[in-house]
Amino acid sequence: MPTTLIAPEKPVEAPLTPSRYGMVSVPVTRRRALFVALFGTPTKHELGILYRCGSSTLRFVRGYWANLMLAGCLCGFGGIAALAVSLQDNYSCTPGSHTVSSGESVYNVVNKRCSGNRQVAMRDIIELNNGEAIINVGDVLLIPAG
C-alpha cells in the first residue's frame, strides 16, 4: 500500500504538477492496473496490485485444483462421448426398394442412395436383405431411411 502524506490541509483538487513531496497518489483499481500493465509502463504500486490479484487467484486454484481437474475431465469425457454417439449411426438414405442392375454392388447402391456414414448404411442394408453381401442382377434390395 502506498504511503500517504499527511498535510495540514487537504487540497480541493489534485495539483497538475508534482508537489514538493513527489507525485500525487491516485487510487488505482485492479482494472486500471491491468490496463496500464498491458498498454503502458506500470509503477511499483500497480505491479503490487497485480501481484496480489494473481496470488489470490493462485491460492484459490491451488485449493480447488482437484475439483477443477475433475470437472475438466468430466467435461472432456462428456464431449467425446457425445461426439461418438452422434457419429455412430448417422446416415440417411432414400427409402424404398432398388433393383440391382449389371455391374452394381451394395457399395454402389449405398453411394447412390445414402449420405452420411455409408459403412453403417451398407451394414444395415445387408442385414435387412437376409445378411448376404453378394447380390445378383435383378435382386431387389430394401433400403432403410436411416
Protein backbone atom coordinates (compact mmCIF):
# COMPACT_ATOMS: atom_id res chain seq x y z
CA MET A 1 0.00 0.00 0.00
CA PRO A 2 1.46 3.41 -0.87
CA THR A 3 2.47 5.75 1.83
CA THR A 4 0.21 8.72 2.22
CA LEU A 5 1.38 12.14 3.24
CA ILE A 6 -0.39 13.95 5.99
CA ALA A 7 -0.82 17.55 5.00
CA PRO A 8 -2.26 20.28 7.19
CA GLU A 9 -4.92 20.96 4.60
CA LYS A 10 -6.45 18.65 2.07
CA PRO A 11 -6.35 20.10 -1.43
CA VAL A 12 -9.72 20.55 -3.07
CA GLU A 13 -8.36 19.45 -6.43
CA ALA A 14 -5.34 17.37 -7.24
CA PRO A 15 -2.46 19.54 -8.41
CA LEU A 16 -1.49 19.27 -12.05
CA THR A 17 2.22 19.31 -11.30
CA PRO A 18 4.20 17.31 -8.74
CA SER A 19 4.38 18.83 -5.30
CA ARG A 20 7.49 19.08 -3.18
CA TYR A 21 6.58 15.69 -1.69
CA GLY A 22 6.60 13.94 -5.06
CA MET A 23 3.82 12.74 -7.31
CA VAL A 24 0.26 12.88 -6.12
CA SER A 25 -1.04 9.38 -5.40
CA VAL A 26 -4.22 8.43 -7.19
CA PRO A 27 -6.14 5.35 -6.03
CA VAL A 28 -5.53 2.56 -8.54
CA THR A 29 -8.13 -0.09 -9.26
CA ARG A 30 -7.39 -3.59 -10.48
CA ARG A 31 -8.81 -2.74 -13.89
CA ARG A 32 -6.60 0.34 -14.23
CA ALA A 33 -3.52 -1.57 -13.03
CA LEU A 34 -4.15 -4.29 -15.62
CA PHE A 35 -4.74 -1.71 -18.36
CA VAL A 36 -1.50 0.11 -17.54
CA ALA A 37 0.41 -3.18 -17.34
CA LEU A 38 -0.83 -4.18 -20.79
CA PHE A 39 -0.60 -0.86 -22.62
CA GLY A 40 1.85 1.28 -20.66
CA THR A 41 4.58 1.31 -18.06
CA PRO A 42 3.21 0.21 -14.68
CA THR A 43 4.51 1.65 -11.44
CA LYS A 44 5.59 -0.43 -8.44
CA HIS A 45 2.21 0.22 -6.86
CA GLU A 46 0.31 -1.07 -9.91
CA LEU A 47 2.58 -4.10 -10.14
CA GLY A 48 1.91 -4.80 -6.47
CA ILE A 49 -1.83 -4.71 -7.09
CA LEU A 50 -1.47 -7.15 -9.99
CA TYR A 51 0.76 -9.43 -7.90
CA ARG A 52 -1.76 -9.52 -5.06
CA CYS A 53 -4.61 -10.25 -7.52
CA GLY A 54 -2.60 -13.03 -9.13
CA SER A 55 -1.50 -14.59 -5.86
CA SER A 56 -5.06 -14.68 -4.51
CA THR A 57 -6.22 -16.33 -7.75
CA LEU A 58 -3.41 -18.87 -7.49
CA ARG A 59 -4.33 -19.64 -3.87
CA PHE A 60 -7.92 -20.23 -4.96
CA VAL A 61 -6.86 -22.52 -7.82
CA ARG A 62 -4.42 -24.39 -5.60
CA GLY A 63 -7.16 -25.01 -3.04
CA TYR A 64 -9.63 -26.34 -5.59
CA TRP A 65 -7.20 -27.93 -8.07
CA ALA A 66 -8.57 -31.47 -7.68
CA ASN A 67 -12.14 -30.29 -8.20
CA LEU A 68 -11.13 -28.22 -11.24
CA MET A 69 -9.29 -31.17 -12.77
CA LEU A 70 -12.24 -33.49 -12.13
CA ALA A 71 -14.64 -31.00 -13.73
CA GLY A 72 -12.34 -30.61 -16.75
CA CYS A 73 -12.02 -34.37 -17.19
CA LEU A 74 -15.78 -34.88 -16.91
CA CYS A 75 -16.46 -32.14 -19.47
CA GLY A 76 -13.90 -33.62 -21.85
CA PHE A 77 -15.24 -37.13 -21.45
CA GLY A 78 -18.81 -35.91 -21.95
CA GLY A 79 -17.85 -34.10 -25.14
CA ILE A 80 -16.05 -37.12 -26.56
CA ALA A 81 -18.95 -39.42 -25.65
CA ALA A 82 -21.46 -37.07 -27.30
CA LEU A 83 -19.33 -36.93 -30.45
CA ALA A 84 -19.02 -40.71 -30.57
CA VAL A 85 -22.77 -41.20 -30.17
CA SER A 86 -23.55 -38.64 -32.85
CA LEU A 87 -21.18 -40.29 -35.34
CA GLN A 88 -22.22 -43.87 -34.62
CA ASP A 89 -25.27 -44.37 -36.87
CA ASN A 90 -25.58 -41.00 -38.52
CA TYR A 91 -26.74 -41.60 -42.08
CA SER A 92 -29.79 -41.05 -44.22
CA CYS A 93 -30.96 -42.87 -47.33
CA THR A 94 -33.75 -42.50 -49.83
CA PRO A 95 -36.06 -45.27 -48.56
CA GLY A 96 -37.70 -47.82 -50.81
CA SER A 97 -36.52 -50.69 -52.95
CA HIS A 98 -33.76 -50.88 -55.55
CA THR A 99 -33.49 -53.40 -58.38
CA VAL A 100 -29.87 -54.40 -58.96
CA SER A 101 -28.62 -53.87 -62.50
CA SER A 102 -25.49 -55.20 -64.19
CA GLY A 103 -22.20 -54.26 -62.51
CA GLU A 104 -23.75 -52.94 -59.28
CA SER A 105 -22.70 -53.84 -55.77
CA VAL A 106 -24.13 -52.96 -52.39
CA TYR A 107 -21.45 -50.27 -52.10
CA ASN A 108 -22.56 -48.67 -55.39
CA VAL A 109 -26.20 -48.67 -54.24
CA VAL A 110 -25.21 -47.05 -50.93
CA ASN A 111 -23.20 -44.36 -52.74
CA LYS A 112 -26.17 -43.53 -54.97
CA ARG A 113 -28.93 -43.52 -52.36
CA CYS A 114 -27.31 -42.66 -48.99
CA SER A 115 -25.37 -39.86 -47.35
CA GLY A 116 -23.53 -39.67 -44.02
CA ASN A 117 -21.89 -42.74 -42.51
CA ARG A 118 -22.04 -45.05 -45.53
CA GLN A 119 -20.37 -48.01 -43.81
CA VAL A 120 -23.17 -48.24 -41.27
CA ALA A 121 -25.74 -47.76 -44.05
CA MET A 122 -24.17 -50.62 -46.03
CA ARG A 123 -24.20 -52.87 -42.92
CA ASP A 124 -27.89 -52.07 -42.30
CA ILE A 125 -28.86 -52.74 -45.95
CA ILE A 126 -27.05 -56.10 -45.88
CA GLU A 127 -28.74 -57.06 -42.57
CA LEU A 128 -32.16 -56.01 -43.90
CA ASN A 129 -31.73 -58.15 -47.02
CA ASN A 130 -31.08 -61.56 -45.37
CA GLY A 131 -27.46 -60.75 -44.41
CA GLU A 132 -25.99 -61.50 -47.81
CA ALA A 133 -23.42 -59.11 -49.26
CA ILE A 134 -23.36 -60.93 -52.61
CA ILE A 135 -26.11 -59.70 -54.90
CA ASN A 136 -27.17 -60.73 -58.38
CA VAL A 137 -28.67 -58.84 -61.30
CA GLY A 138 -32.41 -58.49 -60.79
CA ASP A 139 -32.31 -58.78 -56.97
CA VAL A 140 -34.47 -56.27 -55.17
CA LEU A 141 -32.76 -54.55 -52.21
CA LEU A 142 -34.78 -52.89 -49.48
CA ILE A 143 -33.29 -49.55 -48.49
CA PRO A 144 -33.96 -48.21 -44.95
CA ALA A 145 -34.46 -44.48 -44.32
CA GLY A 146 -31.56 -44.30 -41.87
